[in-house]
Amino acid sequence: MPKKIERKTLTLSKIAKLYSDEEAAYLHLESIRWSNGVVCPHCGSVNHSYLLNPQNGERITRTGTKSYRRVWKCGECREQFSVLVGTVMEDSRIPLSKWLLAFHEMSADKNGISSHELARKLDITQKSAWHLAHRIRYASERPPLSDKLQGTVEADETYFGGKAKNMHKAKREREIQGRGTVGKTAVLAVVERGGEVRSQVVENVNDATVRPILKANVDPQAILNTDTSPVYNQVGKEFAKHETVDHGKEEYVRGTAHINTAEGHFSQLKRSIDGTHHHVSAKHLDRYLAEFDYRYTTRKQEDGLRTEELIKRAVGKRLTYRKPIENSETLVKPSSD
């Protein structure tokens, strides 16, 4: 039976070593993904695989370069695999050591990191860095069937699409009406105080879209806090208690009733997107939300543990280059409306 792989917590000094040592990067990723024994991604058998030793102690790629990829073979289904199979890193030509550094950079910096900065740090093209970052954002998405939010939960919405004063006159007259939300992208967030945040793009902010999101994510015994928007009037009755604050009357806190946590999250999100990414595609906004939601939810963890958890989430997910570039021409900027 193969020896259990030793697992060490990531720190910045360990990341530096892994960044310069491709073999060490493979060993570390194996220790994270297979902490209880090597699992075949093809048949699911545990501890029935063995490491294939390359000829002459070296594994040479088709281009004639040396490869540090560790290849395993399953004793049950006889298929070969590496630790990258079945993850967002599969079929990537970017060295694994650079992948691990990217995971750490996107986990540790609360403002995120742009594809241009990531490209400079990893010494890869901006195009490759952009795709790599989208794969990691895809990995950061909340696992399905997660528990519902409990206790006191805040719900609020915001809009992305830029400020009217910065738009061309023709576009401003065509798209900006009423509250200035027409032509913008709406985002709804629900936040458990002291716990998790879940935000997502919604087509419209109305009862038909808000109700199913709140019902799916918030426990019926929770105390729901919102503003006085009529969108929450009916669905609020389906929770243990519904408390509101009237921003129109400059009421922001009344006892324990407020939505300051949700608004604080939106404020951080908009500052980060505006300062780091400058603008994002409306089609990809959900992926950026997943990235920021993950960092907020794991904010009390050390950077190393947050990075390892994100790497674990990379298993079972694939994202090809064609998918993220489809319909990516529509750009949005944070809005103060």
C-alpha atoms as a PDB file:
ATOM      1  CA  MET A   1       0.000   0.000   0.000  1.00  0.00           C
ATOM      2  CA  PRO A   2       1.437   3.435  -0.935  1.00  0.00           C
ATOM      3  CA  LYS A   3       2.695   5.547   1.930  1.00  0.00           C
ATOM      4  CA  LYS A   4       0.383   8.342   3.017  1.00  0.00           C
ATOM      5  CA  ILE A   5       1.515  11.624   1.467  1.00  0.00           C
ATOM      6  CA  GLU A   6       2.806  14.165   3.974  1.00  0.00           C
ATOM      7  CA  ARG A   7       0.869  17.412   3.940  1.00  0.00           C
ATOM      8  CA  LYS A   8       2.278  20.777   5.014  1.00  0.00           C
ATOM      9  CA  THR A   9       0.406  24.057   5.395  1.00  0.00           C
ATOM     10  CA  LEU A  10       1.206  26.654   2.756  1.00  0.00           C
ATOM     11  CA  THR A  11       3.110  29.778   3.771  1.00  0.00           C
ATOM     12  CA  LEU A  12       4.684  32.474   1.612  1.00  0.00           C
ATOM     13  CA  SER A  13       8.150  30.963   2.089  1.00  0.00           C
ATOM     14  CA  LYS A  14       6.860  27.515   1.063  1.00  0.00           C
ATOM     15  CA  ILE A  15       5.109  29.082  -1.931  1.00  0.00           C
ATOM     16  CA  ALA A  16       8.462  30.570  -3.022  1.00  0.00           C
ATOM     17  CA  LYS A  17      10.055  27.111  -2.917  1.00  0.00           C
ATOM     18  CA  LEU A  18       7.175  25.501  -4.782  1.00  0.00           C
ATOM     19  CA  TYR A  19       7.354  28.267  -7.382  1.00  0.00           C
ATOM     20  CA  SER A  20      10.967  27.384  -8.153  1.00  0.00           C
ATOM     21  CA  ASP A  21      10.639  23.594  -7.867  1.00  0.00           C
ATOM     22  CA  GLU A  22       8.163  21.892 -10.197  1.00  0.00           C
ATOM     23  CA  GLU A  23       8.571  18.473  -8.592  1.00  0.00           C
ATOM     24  CA  ALA A  24       7.908  19.927  -5.146  1.00  0.00           C
ATOM     25  CA  ALA A  25       4.755  21.552  -6.548  1.00  0.00           C
ATOM     26  CA  TYR A  26       3.437  18.169  -7.721  1.00  0.00           C
ATOM     27  CA  LEU A  27       4.218  16.559  -4.381  1.00  0.00           C
ATOM     28  CA  HIS A  28       2.443  19.331  -2.516  1.00  0.00           C
ATOM     29  CA  LEU A  29      -0.654  19.224  -4.705  1.00  0.00           C
ATOM     30  CA  GLU A  30      -0.815  15.448  -4.204  1.00  0.00           C
ATOM     31  CA  SER A  31      -0.655  15.968  -0.438  1.00  0.00           C
ATOM     32  CA  ILE A  32      -3.639  18.334  -0.633  1.00  0.00           C
ATOM     33  CA  ARG A  33      -5.821  16.362  -3.038  1.00  0.00           C
ATOM     34  CA  TRP A  34      -4.919  12.873  -1.817  1.00  0.00           C
ATOM     35  CA  SER A  35      -4.432  13.415   1.921  1.00  0.00           C
ATOM     36  CA  ASN A  36      -6.087  10.034   2.628  1.00  0.00           C
ATOM     37  CA  GLY A  37      -4.503   8.072  -0.207  1.00  0.00           C
ATOM     38  CA  VAL A  38      -4.197   8.272  -3.989  1.00  0.00           C
ATOM     39  CA  VAL A  39      -7.631   8.239  -5.661  1.00  0.00           C
ATOM     40  CA  CYS A  40      -7.986   7.207  -9.295  1.00  0.00           C
ATOM     41  CA  PRO A  41     -10.028   9.909 -11.105  1.00  0.00           C
ATOM     42  CA  HIS A  42     -11.236   7.324 -13.623  1.00  0.00           C
ATOM     43  CA  CYS A  43     -12.687   4.576 -11.431  1.00  0.00           C
ATOM     44  CA  GLY A  44     -12.508   6.082  -7.937  1.00  0.00           C
ATOM     45  CA  SER A  45     -10.399   3.314  -6.379  1.00  0.00           C
ATOM     46  CA  VAL A  46      -8.313   4.370  -3.369  1.00  0.00           C
ATOM     47  CA  ASN A  47      -4.706   3.296  -2.774  1.00  0.00           C
ATOM     48  CA  HIS A  48      -4.681   0.913  -5.749  1.00  0.00           C
ATOM     49  CA  SER A  49      -2.396   3.062  -7.901  1.00  0.00           C
ATOM     50  CA  TYR A  50       1.360   3.140  -8.285  1.00  0.00           C
ATOM     51  CA  LEU A  51       3.800   5.742  -9.534  1.00  0.00           C
ATOM     52  CA  LEU A  52       5.314   5.096 -12.950  1.00  0.00           C
ATOM     53  CA  ASN A  53       9.069   5.577 -12.985  1.00  0.00           C
ATOM     54  CA  PRO A  54      10.368   7.247 -16.188  1.00  0.00           C
ATOM     55  CA  GLN A  55      13.161   5.607 -18.148  1.00  0.00           C
ATOM     56  CA  ASN A  56      16.701   6.638 -17.194  1.00  0.00           C
ATOM     57  CA  GLY A  57      15.244   8.600 -14.280  1.00  0.00           C
ATOM     58  CA  GLU A  58      13.901  11.366 -16.557  1.00  0.00           C
ATOM     59  CA  ARG A  59      10.639  11.981 -18.367  1.00  0.00           C
ATOM     60  CA  ILE A  60      11.082  13.789 -21.683  1.00  0.00           C
ATOM     61  CA  THR A  61       8.224  15.568 -23.449  1.00  0.00           C
ATOM     62  CA  ARG A  62       7.568  15.487 -27.191  1.00  0.00           C
ATOM     63  CA  THR A  63       9.395  18.796 -27.549  1.00  0.00           C
ATOM     64  CA  GLY A  64      12.511  17.322 -25.943  1.00  0.00           C
ATOM     65  CA  THR A  65      12.251  19.162 -22.616  1.00  0.00           C
ATOM     66  CA  LYS A  66      12.389  17.527 -19.203  1.00  0.00           C
ATOM     67  CA  SER A  67       9.056  16.978 -17.475  1.00  0.00           C
ATOM     68  CA  TYR A  68       8.510  16.744 -13.726  1.00  0.00           C
ATOM     69  CA  ARG A  69       4.934  15.525 -14.080  1.00  0.00           C
ATOM     70  CA  ARG A  70       4.297  12.559 -11.804  1.00  0.00           C
ATOM     71  CA  VAL A  71       2.281   9.913 -13.653  1.00  0.00           C
ATOM     72  CA  TRP A  72       0.296   7.258 -11.791  1.00  0.00           C
ATOM     73  CA  LYS A  73      -1.313   4.053 -13.051  1.00  0.00           C
ATOM     74  CA  CYS A  74      -4.396   2.521 -11.480  1.00  0.00           C
ATOM     75  CA  GLY A  75      -4.138  -1.163 -10.583  1.00  0.00           C
ATOM     76  CA  GLU A  76      -7.908  -1.550 -10.991  1.00  0.00           C
ATOM     77  CA  CYS A  77      -8.843   0.130 -14.295  1.00  0.00           C
ATOM     78  CA  ARG A  78      -5.254   0.304 -15.645  1.00  0.00           C
ATOM     79  CA  GLU A  79      -5.657   3.951 -16.643  1.00  0.00           C
ATOM     80  CA  GLN A  80      -2.836   6.473 -16.259  1.00  0.00           C
ATOM     81  CA  PHE A  81      -3.333   9.860 -14.620  1.00  0.00           C
ATOM     82  CA  SER A  82      -1.686  12.690 -12.745  1.00  0.00           C
ATOM     83  CA  VAL A  83      -2.903  14.827  -9.870  1.00  0.00           C
ATOM     84  CA  LEU A  84      -4.074  17.422 -12.417  1.00  0.00           C
ATOM     85  CA  VAL A  85      -6.694  15.162 -14.032  1.00  0.00           C
ATOM     86  CA  GLY A  86     -10.209  16.289 -13.200  1.00  0.00           C
ATOM     87  CA  THR A  87      -9.198  19.774 -12.048  1.00  0.00           C
ATOM     88  CA  VAL A  88      -9.199  23.263 -13.573  1.00  0.00           C
ATOM     89  CA  MET A  89      -5.467  22.743 -14.176  1.00  0.00           C
ATOM     90  CA  GLU A  90      -5.894  19.742 -16.480  1.00  0.00           C
ATOM     91  CA  ASP A  91      -4.414  20.111 -19.991  1.00  0.00           C
ATOM     92  CA  SER A  92      -2.753  23.411 -19.050  1.00  0.00           C
ATOM     93  CA  ARG A  93       0.724  24.110 -20.400  1.00  0.00           C
ATOM     94  CA  ILE A  94       1.440  26.529 -17.566  1.00  0.00           C
ATOM     95  CA  PRO A  95       3.813  24.914 -15.026  1.00  0.00           C
ATOM     96  CA  LEU A  96       2.116  23.682 -11.873  1.00  0.00           C
ATOM     97  CA  SER A  97       4.425  25.794  -9.707  1.00  0.00           C
ATOM     98  CA  LYS A  98       3.007  28.918 -11.368  1.00  0.00           C
ATOM     99  CA  TRP A  99      -0.535  27.635 -10.868  1.00  0.00           C
ATOM    100  CA  LEU A 100       0.079  27.298  -7.125  1.00  0.00           C
ATOM    101  CA  LEU A 101       1.436  30.825  -6.925  1.00  0.00           C
ATOM    102  CA  ALA A 102      -1.631  32.099  -8.800  1.00  0.00           C
ATOM    103  CA  PHE A 103      -3.930  30.279  -6.360  1.00  0.00           C
ATOM    104  CA  HIS A 104      -2.097  31.950  -3.485  1.00  0.00           C
ATOM    105  CA  GLU A 105      -2.170  35.425  -5.064  1.00  0.00           C
ATOM    106  CA  MET A 106      -5.918  35.244  -5.740  1.00  0.00           C
ATOM    107  CA  SER A 107      -6.594  33.939  -2.226  1.00  0.00           C
ATOM    108  CA  ALA A 108      -4.418  36.316  -0.222  1.00  0.00           C
ATOM    109  CA  ASP A 109      -5.182  39.734  -1.734  1.00  0.00           C
ATOM    110  CA  LYS A 110      -8.644  40.970  -0.708  1.00  0.00           C
ATOM    111  CA  ASN A 111      -8.689  43.371  -3.672  1.00  0.00           C
ATOM    112  CA  GLY A 112      -7.946  40.620  -6.169  1.00  0.00           C
ATOM    113  CA  ILE A 113      -5.243  40.743  -8.819  1.00  0.00           C
ATOM    114  CA  SER A 114      -5.510  41.842 -12.448  1.00  0.00           C
ATOM    115  CA  SER A 115      -4.523  39.586 -15.328  1.00  0.00           C
ATOM    116  CA  HIS A 116      -1.763  42.049 -16.291  1.00  0.00           C
ATOM    117  CA  GLU A 117      -0.192  41.926 -12.827  1.00  0.00           C
ATOM    118  CA  LEU A 118      -0.599  38.159 -12.691  1.00  0.00           C
ATOM    119  CA  ALA A 119       1.105  37.872 -16.081  1.00  0.00           C
ATOM    120  CA  ARG A 120       4.092  39.907 -14.837  1.00  0.00           C
ATOM    121  CA  LYS A 121       4.444  37.883 -11.643  1.00  0.00           C
ATOM    122  CA  LEU A 122       4.173  34.505 -13.387  1.00  0.00           C
ATOM    123  CA  ASP A 123       6.126  35.509 -16.494  1.00  0.00           C
ATOM    124  CA  ILE A 124       3.353  34.386 -18.849  1.00  0.00           C
ATOM    125  CA  THR A 125       1.258  36.229 -21.429  1.00  0.00           C
ATOM    126  CA  GLN A 126      -1.700  38.363 -20.346  1.00  0.00           C
ATOM    127  CA  LYS A 127      -3.982  36.140 -22.400  1.00  0.00           C
ATOM    128  CA  SER A 128      -2.818  33.055 -20.485  1.00  0.00           C
ATOM    129  CA  ALA A 129      -3.074  34.867 -17.153  1.00  0.00           C
ATOM    130  CA  TRP A 130      -6.642  35.968 -17.957  1.00  0.00           C
ATOM    131  CA  HIS A 131      -7.728  32.408 -18.696  1.00  0.00           C
ATOM    132  CA  LEU A 132      -5.870  31.028 -15.673  1.00  0.00           C
ATOM    133  CA  ALA A 133      -7.601  33.551 -13.398  1.00  0.00           C
ATOM    134  CA  HIS A 134     -11.011  32.630 -14.793  1.00  0.00           C
ATOM    135  CA  ARG A 135     -10.334  28.955 -14.092  1.00  0.00           C
ATOM    136  CA  ILE A 136      -9.485  29.796 -10.481  1.00  0.00           C
ATOM    137  CA  ARG A 137     -12.616  31.952 -10.182  1.00  0.00           C
ATOM    138  CA  TYR A 138     -14.609  28.997 -11.483  1.00  0.00           C
ATOM    139  CA  ALA A 139     -13.028  26.841  -8.789  1.00  0.00           C
ATOM    140  CA  SER A 140     -13.999  29.364  -6.107  1.00  0.00           C
ATOM    141  CA  GLU A 141     -17.723  28.915  -6.770  1.00  0.00           C
ATOM    142  CA  ARG A 142     -19.727  27.730  -3.776  1.00  0.00           C
ATOM    143  CA  PRO A 143     -20.196  23.935  -3.670  1.00  0.00           C
ATOM    144  CA  PRO A 144     -23.750  22.766  -4.462  1.00  0.00           C
ATOM    145  CA  LEU A 145     -26.128  21.739  -1.682  1.00  0.00           C
ATOM    146  CA  SER A 146     -24.495  24.077   0.835  1.00  0.00           C
ATOM    147  CA  ASP A 147     -26.307  24.675   4.133  1.00  0.00           C
ATOM    148  CA  LYS A 148     -28.720  27.589   4.306  1.00  0.00           C
ATOM    149  CA  LEU A 149     -27.716  30.812   6.021  1.00  0.00           C
ATOM    150  CA  GLN A 150     -28.965  31.115   9.598  1.00  0.00           C
ATOM    151  CA  GLY A 151     -29.269  33.608  12.430  1.00  0.00           C
ATOM    152  CA  THR A 152     -29.512  37.211  11.231  1.00  0.00           C
ATOM    153  CA  VAL A 153     -29.274  37.477   7.461  1.00  0.00           C
ATOM    154  CA  GLU A 154     -29.055  40.675   5.425  1.00  0.00           C
ATOM    155  CA  ALA A 155     -30.241  41.014   1.824  1.00  0.00           C
ATOM    156  CA  ASP A 156     -29.494  43.917  -0.482  1.00  0.00           C
ATOM    157  CA  GLU A 157     -29.001  44.692  -4.156  1.00  0.00           C
ATOM    158  CA  THR A 158     -26.664  46.918  -6.135  1.00  0.00           C
ATOM    159  CA  TYR A 159     -25.969  47.754  -9.763  1.00  0.00           C
ATOM    160  CA  PHE A 160     -22.944  47.637 -12.061  1.00  0.00           C
ATOM    161  CA  GLY A 161     -22.685  49.594 -15.274  1.00  0.00           C
ATOM    162  CA  GLY A 162     -20.789  52.808 -14.745  1.00  0.00           C
ATOM    163  CA  LYS A 163     -21.730  56.319 -13.732  1.00  0.00           C
ATOM    164  CA  ALA A 164     -24.003  58.312 -16.015  1.00  0.00           C
ATOM    165  CA  LYS A 165     -21.654  61.324 -16.030  1.00  0.00           C
ATOM    166  CA  ASN A 166     -18.906  59.172 -17.596  1.00  0.00           C
ATOM    167  CA  MET A 167     -21.075  57.914 -20.451  1.00  0.00           C
ATOM    168  CA  HIS A 168     -21.375  59.335 -23.944  1.00  0.00           C
ATOM    169  CA  LYS A 169     -24.449  61.555 -24.196  1.00  0.00           C
ATOM    170  CA  ALA A 170     -26.157  59.271 -26.720  1.00  0.00           C
ATOM    171  CA  LYS A 171     -25.662  56.193 -24.530  1.00  0.00           C
ATOM    172  CA  ARG A 172     -26.732  58.084 -21.395  1.00  0.00           C
ATOM    173  CA  GLU A 173     -29.993  59.205 -23.002  1.00  0.00           C
ATOM    174  CA  ARG A 174     -30.629  55.711 -24.402  1.00  0.00           C
ATOM    175  CA  GLU A 175     -29.916  53.615 -21.288  1.00  0.00           C
ATOM    176  CA  ILE A 176     -30.174  55.712 -18.140  1.00  0.00           C
ATOM    177  CA  GLN A 177     -33.735  56.236 -16.953  1.00  0.00           C
ATOM    178  CA  GLY A 178     -35.507  56.594 -13.615  1.00  0.00           C
ATOM    179  CA  ARG A 179     -33.170  55.517 -10.821  1.00  0.00           C
ATOM    180  CA  GLY A 180     -30.436  55.043 -13.356  1.00  0.00           C
ATOM    181  CA  THR A 181     -30.642  51.250 -13.267  1.00  0.00           C
ATOM    182  CA  VAL A 182     -31.784  50.619 -16.836  1.00  0.00           C
ATOM    183  CA  GLY A 183     -28.959  49.188 -18.898  1.00  0.00           C
ATOM    184  CA  LYS A 184     -27.024  48.144 -15.782  1.00  0.00           C
ATOM    185  CA  THR A 185     -26.367  44.718 -14.266  1.00  0.00           C
ATOM    186  CA  ALA A 186     -28.145  43.962 -10.986  1.00  0.00           C
ATOM    187  CA  VAL A 187     -26.475  41.958  -8.225  1.00  0.00           C
ATOM    188  CA  LEU A 188     -28.258  40.543  -5.180  1.00  0.00           C
ATOM    189  CA  ALA A 189     -26.344  39.536  -2.051  1.00  0.00           C
ATOM    190  CA  VAL A 190     -27.409  37.698   1.085  1.00  0.00           C
ATOM    191  CA  VAL A 191     -25.053  37.817   4.055  1.00  0.00           C
ATOM    192  CA  GLU A 192     -25.100  35.872   7.297  1.00  0.00           C
ATOM    193  CA  ARG A 193     -23.747  38.178   9.987  1.00  0.00           C
ATOM    194  CA  GLY A 194     -20.370  36.892  11.053  1.00  0.00           C
ATOM    195  CA  GLY A 195     -20.528  34.207   8.382  1.00  0.00           C
ATOM    196  CA  GLU A 196     -20.932  33.626   4.670  1.00  0.00           C
ATOM    197  CA  VAL A 197     -21.910  35.921   1.819  1.00  0.00           C
ATOM    198  CA  ARG A 198     -23.645  34.731  -1.353  1.00  0.00           C
ATOM    199  CA  SER A 199     -24.081  37.114  -4.254  1.00  0.00           C
ATOM    200  CA  GLN A 200     -25.199  36.615  -7.813  1.00  0.00           C
ATOM    201  CA  VAL A 201     -26.276  38.459 -10.927  1.00  0.00           C
ATOM    202  CA  VAL A 202     -30.047  38.738 -11.339  1.00  0.00           C
ATOM    203  CA  GLU A 203     -31.941  39.665 -14.487  1.00  0.00           C
ATOM    204  CA  ASN A 204     -34.354  41.940 -12.623  1.00  0.00           C
ATOM    205  CA  VAL A 205     -34.795  42.974  -9.002  1.00  0.00           C
ATOM    206  CA  ASN A 206     -38.379  41.909  -8.411  1.00  0.00           C
ATOM    207  CA  ASP A 207     -40.296  39.344  -6.395  1.00  0.00           C
ATOM    208  CA  ALA A 208     -40.057  36.727  -9.152  1.00  0.00           C
ATOM    209  CA  THR A 209     -36.242  36.707  -9.009  1.00  0.00           C
ATOM    210  CA  VAL A 210     -35.578  37.635  -5.371  1.00  0.00           C
ATOM    211  CA  ARG A 211     -37.992  35.178  -3.726  1.00  0.00           C
ATOM    212  CA  PRO A 212     -36.454  31.905  -5.053  1.00  0.00           C
ATOM    213  CA  ILE A 213     -32.936  33.112  -4.202  1.00  0.00           C
ATOM    214  CA  LEU A 214     -33.850  33.953  -0.609  1.00  0.00           C
ATOM    215  CA  LYS A 215     -35.850  30.745  -0.185  1.00  0.00           C
ATOM    216  CA  ALA A 216     -32.964  28.644  -1.512  1.00  0.00           C
ATOM    217  CA  ASN A 217     -30.243  30.295   0.573  1.00  0.00           C
ATOM    218  CA  VAL A 218     -31.821  31.462   3.836  1.00  0.00           C
ATOM    219  CA  ASP A 219     -33.217  29.282   6.626  1.00  0.00           C
ATOM    220  CA  PRO A 220     -36.941  29.982   7.336  1.00  0.00           C
ATOM    221  CA  GLN A 221     -36.090  30.481  11.032  1.00  0.00           C
ATOM    222  CA  ALA A 222     -33.627  33.275  10.216  1.00  0.00           C
ATOM    223  CA  ILE A 223     -34.199  36.971  10.901  1.00  0.00           C
ATOM    224  CA  LEU A 224     -34.186  38.768   7.567  1.00  0.00           C
ATOM    225  CA  ASN A 225     -32.900  42.356   7.422  1.00  0.00           C
ATOM    226  CA  THR A 226     -33.502  44.494   4.315  1.00  0.00           C
ATOM    227  CA  ASP A 227     -34.236  48.067   3.308  1.00  0.00           C
ATOM    228  CA  THR A 228     -37.810  49.191   2.661  1.00  0.00           C
ATOM    229  CA  SER A 229     -37.851  48.145  -0.988  1.00  0.00           C
ATOM    230  CA  PRO A 230     -41.257  46.589  -1.798  1.00  0.00           C
ATOM    231  CA  VAL A 231     -39.410  43.675  -3.393  1.00  0.00           C
ATOM    232  CA  TYR A 232     -38.921  42.155   0.074  1.00  0.00           C
ATOM    233  CA  ASN A 233     -42.402  42.778   1.495  1.00  0.00           C
ATOM    234  CA  GLN A 234     -44.021  39.458   0.627  1.00  0.00           C
ATOM    235  CA  VAL A 235     -41.016  37.131   0.880  1.00  0.00           C
ATOM    236  CA  GLY A 236     -40.089  38.717   4.223  1.00  0.00           C
ATOM    237  CA  LYS A 237     -43.247  37.206   5.750  1.00  0.00           C
ATOM    238  CA  GLU A 238     -41.881  33.707   5.071  1.00  0.00           C
ATOM    239  CA  PHE A 239     -39.074  34.069   7.639  1.00  0.00           C
ATOM    240  CA  ALA A 240     -39.138  34.112  11.434  1.00  0.00           C
ATOM    241  CA  LYS A 241     -38.841  37.906  11.443  1.00  0.00           C
ATOM    242  CA  HIS A 242     -38.395  40.635   8.866  1.00  0.00           C
ATOM    243  CA  GLU A 243     -36.789  43.903   9.962  1.00  0.00           C
ATOM    244  CA  THR A 244     -36.285  46.895   7.693  1.00  0.00           C
ATOM    245  CA  VAL A 245     -34.439  50.204   7.750  1.00  0.00           C
ATOM    246  CA  ASP A 246     -35.674  53.214   5.791  1.00  0.00           C
ATOM    247  CA  HIS A 247     -32.760  54.801   3.975  1.00  0.00           C
ATOM    248  CA  GLY A 248     -35.128  57.386   2.487  1.00  0.00           C
ATOM    249  CA  LYS A 249     -35.538  58.797   5.983  1.00  0.00           C
ATOM    250  CA  GLU A 250     -31.793  58.499   6.630  1.00  0.00           C
ATOM    251  CA  GLU A 251     -32.374  55.545   8.940  1.00  0.00           C
ATOM    252  CA  TYR A 252     -29.418  53.156   8.718  1.00  0.00           C
ATOM    253  CA  VAL A 253     -29.462  51.406  12.100  1.00  0.00           C
ATOM    254  CA  ARG A 254     -32.347  50.722  14.447  1.00  0.00           C
ATOM    255  CA  GLY A 255     -31.301  48.466  17.299  1.00  0.00           C
ATOM    256  CA  THR A 256     -30.038  45.304  15.628  1.00  0.00           C
ATOM    257  CA  ALA A 257     -31.785  46.092  12.344  1.00  0.00           C
ATOM    258  CA  HIS A 258     -29.417  47.168   9.540  1.00  0.00           C
ATOM    259  CA  ILE A 259     -27.907  46.029   6.255  1.00  0.00           C
ATOM    260  CA  ASN A 260     -24.492  47.572   6.852  1.00  0.00           C
ATOM    261  CA  THR A 261     -22.727  44.212   6.433  1.00  0.00           C
ATOM    262  CA  ALA A 262     -24.130  43.706   2.934  1.00  0.00           C
ATOM    263  CA  GLU A 263     -23.433  47.324   1.970  1.00  0.00           C
ATOM    264  CA  GLY A 264     -19.889  47.029   3.300  1.00  0.00           C
ATOM    265  CA  HIS A 265     -19.346  43.956   1.131  1.00  0.00           C
ATOM    266  CA  PHE A 266     -20.651  45.792  -1.924  1.00  0.00           C
ATOM    267  CA  SER A 267     -18.418  48.763  -1.152  1.00  0.00           C
ATOM    268  CA  GLN A 268     -15.323  46.565  -1.001  1.00  0.00           C
ATOM    269  CA  LEU A 269     -16.375  44.725  -4.164  1.00  0.00           C
ATOM    270  CA  LYS A 270     -16.861  47.923  -6.175  1.00  0.00           C
ATOM    271  CA  ARG A 271     -13.647  49.546  -4.961  1.00  0.00           C
ATOM    272  CA  SER A 272     -11.709  46.411  -5.846  1.00  0.00           C
ATOM    273  CA  ILE A 273     -13.195  45.976  -9.299  1.00  0.00           C
ATOM    274  CA  ASP A 274     -12.783  49.655 -10.090  1.00  0.00           C
ATOM    275  CA  GLY A 275      -9.238  49.864  -8.711  1.00  0.00           C
ATOM    276  CA  THR A 276      -7.881  46.458  -9.726  1.00  0.00           C
ATOM    277  CA  HIS A 277      -9.809  45.302 -12.787  1.00  0.00           C
ATOM    278  CA  HIS A 278     -11.204  48.712 -13.921  1.00  0.00           C
ATOM    279  CA  HIS A 279     -13.998  47.003 -15.809  1.00  0.00           C
ATOM    280  CA  VAL A 280     -15.305  43.460 -16.225  1.00  0.00           C
ATOM    281  CA  SER A 281     -17.494  41.690 -18.735  1.00  0.00           C
ATOM    282  CA  ALA A 282     -21.151  41.529 -17.742  1.00  0.00           C
ATOM    283  CA  LYS A 283     -21.089  37.894 -18.868  1.00  0.00           C
ATOM    284  CA  HIS A 284     -18.257  37.120 -16.431  1.00  0.00           C
ATOM    285  CA  LEU A 285     -19.448  39.187 -13.467  1.00  0.00           C
ATOM    286  CA  ASP A 286     -20.782  36.078 -11.703  1.00  0.00           C
ATOM    287  CA  ARG A 287     -17.259  34.605 -11.717  1.00  0.00           C
ATOM    288  CA  TYR A 288     -15.809  37.727 -10.125  1.00  0.00           C
ATOM    289  CA  LEU A 289     -18.591  37.604  -7.533  1.00  0.00           C
ATOM    290  CA  ALA A 290     -17.664  33.999  -6.729  1.00  0.00           C
ATOM    291  CA  GLU A 291     -14.035  35.036  -6.230  1.00  0.00           C
ATOM    292  CA  PHE A 292     -14.889  37.890  -3.846  1.00  0.00           C
ATOM    293  CA  ASP A 293     -17.541  35.837  -2.038  1.00  0.00           C
ATOM    294  CA  TYR A 294     -14.978  33.115  -1.376  1.00  0.00           C
ATOM    295  CA  ARG A 295     -12.411  35.504   0.081  1.00  0.00           C
ATOM    296  CA  TYR A 296     -15.053  37.186   2.251  1.00  0.00           C
ATOM    297  CA  THR A 297     -16.454  33.906   3.541  1.00  0.00           C
ATOM    298  CA  THR A 298     -12.962  32.601   4.425  1.00  0.00           C
ATOM    299  CA  ARG A 299     -11.708  35.957   5.741  1.00  0.00           C
ATOM    300  CA  LYS A 300     -10.960  34.531   9.204  1.00  0.00           C
ATOM    301  CA  GLN A 301      -8.662  31.841   7.814  1.00  0.00           C
ATOM    302  CA  GLU A 302      -4.932  32.217   7.282  1.00  0.00           C
ATOM    303  CA  ASP A 303      -3.813  32.766   3.698  1.00  0.00           C
ATOM    304  CA  GLY A 304      -2.287  29.286   3.482  1.00  0.00           C
ATOM    305  CA  LEU A 305      -5.465  27.498   4.589  1.00  0.00           C
ATOM    306  CA  ARG A 306      -7.581  29.680   2.308  1.00  0.00           C
ATOM    307  CA  THR A 307      -5.306  28.766  -0.618  1.00  0.00           C
ATOM    308  CA  GLU A 308      -5.492  25.048   0.143  1.00  0.00           C
ATOM    309  CA  GLU A 309      -9.276  25.152   0.397  1.00  0.00           C
ATOM    310  CA  LEU A 310      -9.454  26.881  -2.983  1.00  0.00           C
ATOM    311  CA  ILE A 311      -7.186  24.234  -4.510  1.00  0.00           C
ATOM    312  CA  LYS A 312      -9.513  21.538  -3.174  1.00  0.00           C
ATOM    313  CA  ARG A 313     -12.450  23.255  -4.849  1.00  0.00           C
ATOM    314  CA  ALA A 314     -10.609  23.010  -8.173  1.00  0.00           C
ATOM    315  CA  VAL A 315     -11.324  19.270  -8.307  1.00  0.00           C
ATOM    316  CA  GLY A 316     -14.174  18.177 -10.545  1.00  0.00           C
ATOM    317  CA  LYS A 317     -14.296  21.400 -12.566  1.00  0.00           C
ATOM    318  CA  ARG A 318     -13.131  22.177 -16.104  1.00  0.00           C
ATOM    319  CA  LEU A 319     -13.205  25.446 -18.014  1.00  0.00           C
ATOM    320  CA  THR A 320     -12.003  25.626 -21.612  1.00  0.00           C
ATOM    321  CA  TYR A 321     -10.686  28.816 -23.212  1.00  0.00           C
ATOM    322  CA  ARG A 322     -13.555  29.016 -25.693  1.00  0.00           C
ATOM    323  CA  LYS A 323     -16.207  29.215 -22.965  1.00  0.00           C
ATOM    324  CA  PRO A 324     -14.954  32.311 -21.098  1.00  0.00           C
ATOM    325  CA  ILE A 325     -14.370  34.374 -24.248  1.00  0.00           C
ATOM    326  CA  GLU A 326     -17.866  33.791 -25.653  1.00  0.00           C
ATOM    327  CA  ASN A 327     -20.009  36.938 -25.551  1.00  0.00           C
ATOM    328  CA  SER A 328     -17.448  38.845 -23.509  1.00  0.00           C
ATOM    329  CA  GLU A 329     -17.761  42.140 -25.343  1.00  0.00           C
ATOM    330  CA  THR A 330     -20.173  43.826 -22.876  1.00  0.00           C
ATOM    331  CA  LEU A 331     -18.208  45.582 -20.140  1.00  0.00           C
ATOM    332  CA  VAL A 332     -19.475  46.966 -16.847  1.00  0.00           C
ATOM    333  CA  LYS A 333     -17.956  49.260 -14.260  1.00  0.00           C
ATOM    334  CA  PRO A 334     -19.012  49.650 -10.642  1.00  0.00           C
ATOM    335  CA  SER A 335     -21.888  52.077 -10.214  1.00  0.00           C
ATOM    336  CA  SER A 336     -22.510  54.373  -7.273  1.00  0.00           C
ATOM    337  CA  ASP A 337     -26.275  54.355  -7.910  1.00  0.00           C
END
